Protein backbone atom coordinates (compact mmCIF):
# COMPACT_ATOMS: atom_id res chain seq x y z
CA MET A 1 108.36 118.60 106.81
CA ALA A 2 109.67 119.64 103.43
CA GLU A 3 111.65 116.45 103.16
CA SER A 4 108.58 114.28 103.60
CA PHE A 5 107.17 116.11 100.45
CA PHE A 6 109.74 114.88 98.17
CA VAL A 7 110.26 111.48 99.73
CA ASP A 8 106.71 110.41 99.63
CA PRO A 9 105.82 106.95 100.82
CA PHE A 10 102.85 106.67 98.24
CA ARG A 11 104.97 107.15 95.31
CA ARG A 12 105.59 103.55 95.03
CA PHE A 13 102.23 102.50 96.20
CA PHE A 14 100.59 104.01 93.26
CA TRP A 15 103.76 103.98 90.89
CA SER A 16 105.08 100.59 91.62
CA PRO A 17 107.04 98.40 88.89
CA PRO A 18 104.82 96.39 86.26
CA ILE A 19 102.11 94.93 88.28
CA PHE A 20 101.09 91.50 86.72
CA ARG A 21 97.69 90.64 86.33
CA GLN A 22 96.59 87.66 88.68
CA TRP A 23 92.97 87.62 88.14
CA SER A 24 90.97 88.73 85.39
CA GLY A 25 90.42 92.56 85.61
CA SER A 26 91.96 92.60 89.35
CA LEU A 27 95.05 93.40 91.09
CA ALA A 28 96.56 92.42 94.38
CA LEU A 29 94.30 94.99 96.01
CA MET A 30 95.57 96.24 99.42
CA ASP A 31 94.44 98.07 102.72
CA TRP A 32 97.17 100.10 104.49
CA LEU A 33 96.11 100.74 108.37
CA GLU A 34 98.26 102.67 110.70
CA THR A 35 97.87 102.25 114.56
CA PRO A 36 99.85 103.82 117.35
CA ASN A 37 102.17 100.91 117.37
CA ALA A 38 102.48 99.60 113.71
CA HIS A 39 101.57 99.77 110.00
CA ILE A 40 99.61 96.90 108.96
CA TYR A 41 99.24 96.08 105.07
CA LYS A 42 96.46 93.54 104.04
CA VAL A 43 96.72 92.13 100.56
CA ASN A 44 94.20 90.02 98.88
CA VAL A 45 95.88 86.86 97.56
CA PRO A 46 92.95 84.20 96.89
CA GLY A 47 94.35 81.01 96.02
CA PHE A 48 98.07 81.59 96.88
CA GLY A 49 99.53 79.93 99.92
CA LYS A 50 102.49 80.86 102.20
CA ASP A 51 104.97 79.09 99.72
CA ASP A 52 103.59 80.96 96.96
CA ILE A 53 104.25 84.43 98.40
CA LYS A 54 107.71 86.35 99.15
CA VAL A 55 107.80 89.25 101.23
CA GLN A 56 111.09 91.05 101.66
CA VAL A 57 112.53 94.46 102.53
CA GLU A 58 115.04 96.04 99.96
CA ASP A 59 117.27 99.07 99.84
CA GLY A 60 116.74 99.43 103.79
CA ASN A 61 112.95 100.58 103.27
CA VAL A 62 111.02 99.22 100.40
CA LEU A 63 108.75 96.44 101.20
CA GLN A 64 108.38 94.09 98.21
CA ILE A 65 105.65 91.43 97.99
CA ARG A 66 105.47 89.07 95.25
CA GLY A 67 103.21 85.90 94.58
CA GLU A 68 103.66 83.40 92.19
CA ARG A 69 101.30 80.32 91.64
CA THR A 70 102.39 77.81 88.85
CA LYS A 71 100.24 74.81 89.71
CA GLU A 72 96.77 74.54 87.92
CA GLU A 73 93.75 73.22 89.55
CA SER A 74 92.93 69.65 88.28
CA VAL A 75 89.42 69.15 87.47
CA GLY A 76 89.79 66.14 85.03
CA LYS A 77 90.66 65.46 81.32
CA ASP A 78 87.11 65.81 80.02
CA ALA A 79 86.43 69.20 81.83
CA VAL A 80 86.85 72.64 79.83
CA TRP A 81 87.46 76.00 81.40
CA HIS A 82 85.12 78.60 80.22
CA ILE A 83 85.91 81.24 82.66
CA ALA A 84 88.80 81.50 85.46
CA GLU A 85 88.38 84.69 87.24
CA ARG A 86 88.74 83.45 90.80
CA GLY A 87 92.39 82.51 90.47
CA THR A 88 92.05 79.03 90.02
CA SER A 89 94.73 78.72 87.25
CA LYS A 90 98.29 80.43 86.98
CA GLY A 91 98.95 83.82 88.28
CA GLU A 92 101.38 86.31 89.66
CA PHE A 93 101.38 89.63 91.31
CA ALA A 94 103.96 92.26 92.67
CA ARG A 95 103.49 95.22 94.93
CA GLU A 96 106.30 97.60 96.25
CA ILE A 97 105.87 100.16 99.02
CA VAL A 98 108.35 102.59 100.45
CA LEU A 99 108.05 102.22 104.13
CA PRO A 100 107.81 105.32 106.49
CA GLU A 101 111.16 106.21 108.36
CA ASN A 102 110.04 105.34 111.91
CA VAL A 103 109.63 101.54 111.54
CA LYS A 104 111.47 98.38 112.53
CA VAL A 105 112.37 96.74 109.50
CA ASP A 106 114.03 93.92 111.27
CA GLN A 107 110.71 93.06 113.12
CA VAL A 108 108.42 92.86 110.15
CA LYS A 109 105.98 89.71 110.33
CA ALA A 110 103.69 88.35 107.86
CA GLN A 111 101.04 85.66 107.62
CA VAL A 112 98.43 84.48 105.17
CA GLU A 113 95.13 83.20 106.10
CA ASN A 114 91.77 82.79 104.21
CA GLY A 115 93.10 84.48 101.06
CA VAL A 116 94.43 87.69 102.83
CA LEU A 117 98.04 88.42 103.48
CA THR A 118 98.64 90.59 106.42
CA ILE A 119 102.00 92.49 107.01
CA VAL A 120 102.78 94.08 110.30
CA VAL A 121 105.59 96.48 110.51
CA PRO A 122 106.08 97.72 114.00
CA LYS A 123 106.89 101.34 114.75
CA ASP A 124 110.02 102.69 116.28
CA THR A 125 109.20 104.52 119.31
CA ASN A 126 112.71 105.94 120.13
CA PRO A 127 113.18 109.31 118.79
CA LYS A 128 115.63 109.77 115.92
CA SER A 129 118.23 112.03 115.99
CA SER A 130 117.84 115.29 113.76
CA LYS A 131 119.19 115.12 110.20
CA VAL A 132 120.48 118.67 110.48
CA ARG A 133 123.99 118.77 111.66
CA ASN A 134 125.33 122.16 112.82
CA ILE A 135 129.04 122.78 111.58
CA ASN A 136 131.34 124.98 113.92
CA ILE A 137 133.00 127.64 111.96
CA SER A 138 136.52 128.67 112.92
CA SER A 139 138.99 131.23 111.43
CA LYS A 140 141.53 128.69 110.48
CA LEU A 141 141.09 125.14 108.98
């Protein structure tokens, strides 16, 4: 219990590296749902396709989500943009989350549909061995 106090999975959830603005006044908003079998992350990514998004696990337990859109919407040479808040132009975002200990990082799946990126991280139901290891004490080394 004390260990989970110091290794807080929300640390990077709230204090991630610089988050780039993708829409005026908005970040890549996310929901995190835990079920008995998995952790499910849903990230708003309107205007981003699967080729614009990269999802990876680094350092064994850090889920990184990055998106970059470089093309601009073509509307004609006589059109003038006055406001672009829906993500119709260039944009990027980044999120980083420390995953809980009881997950199968080799079975993470992701899909993007209707402007929502869904990432499913299955739980590992096998009990982990204790991190406490008793050392036998002898009279001689």
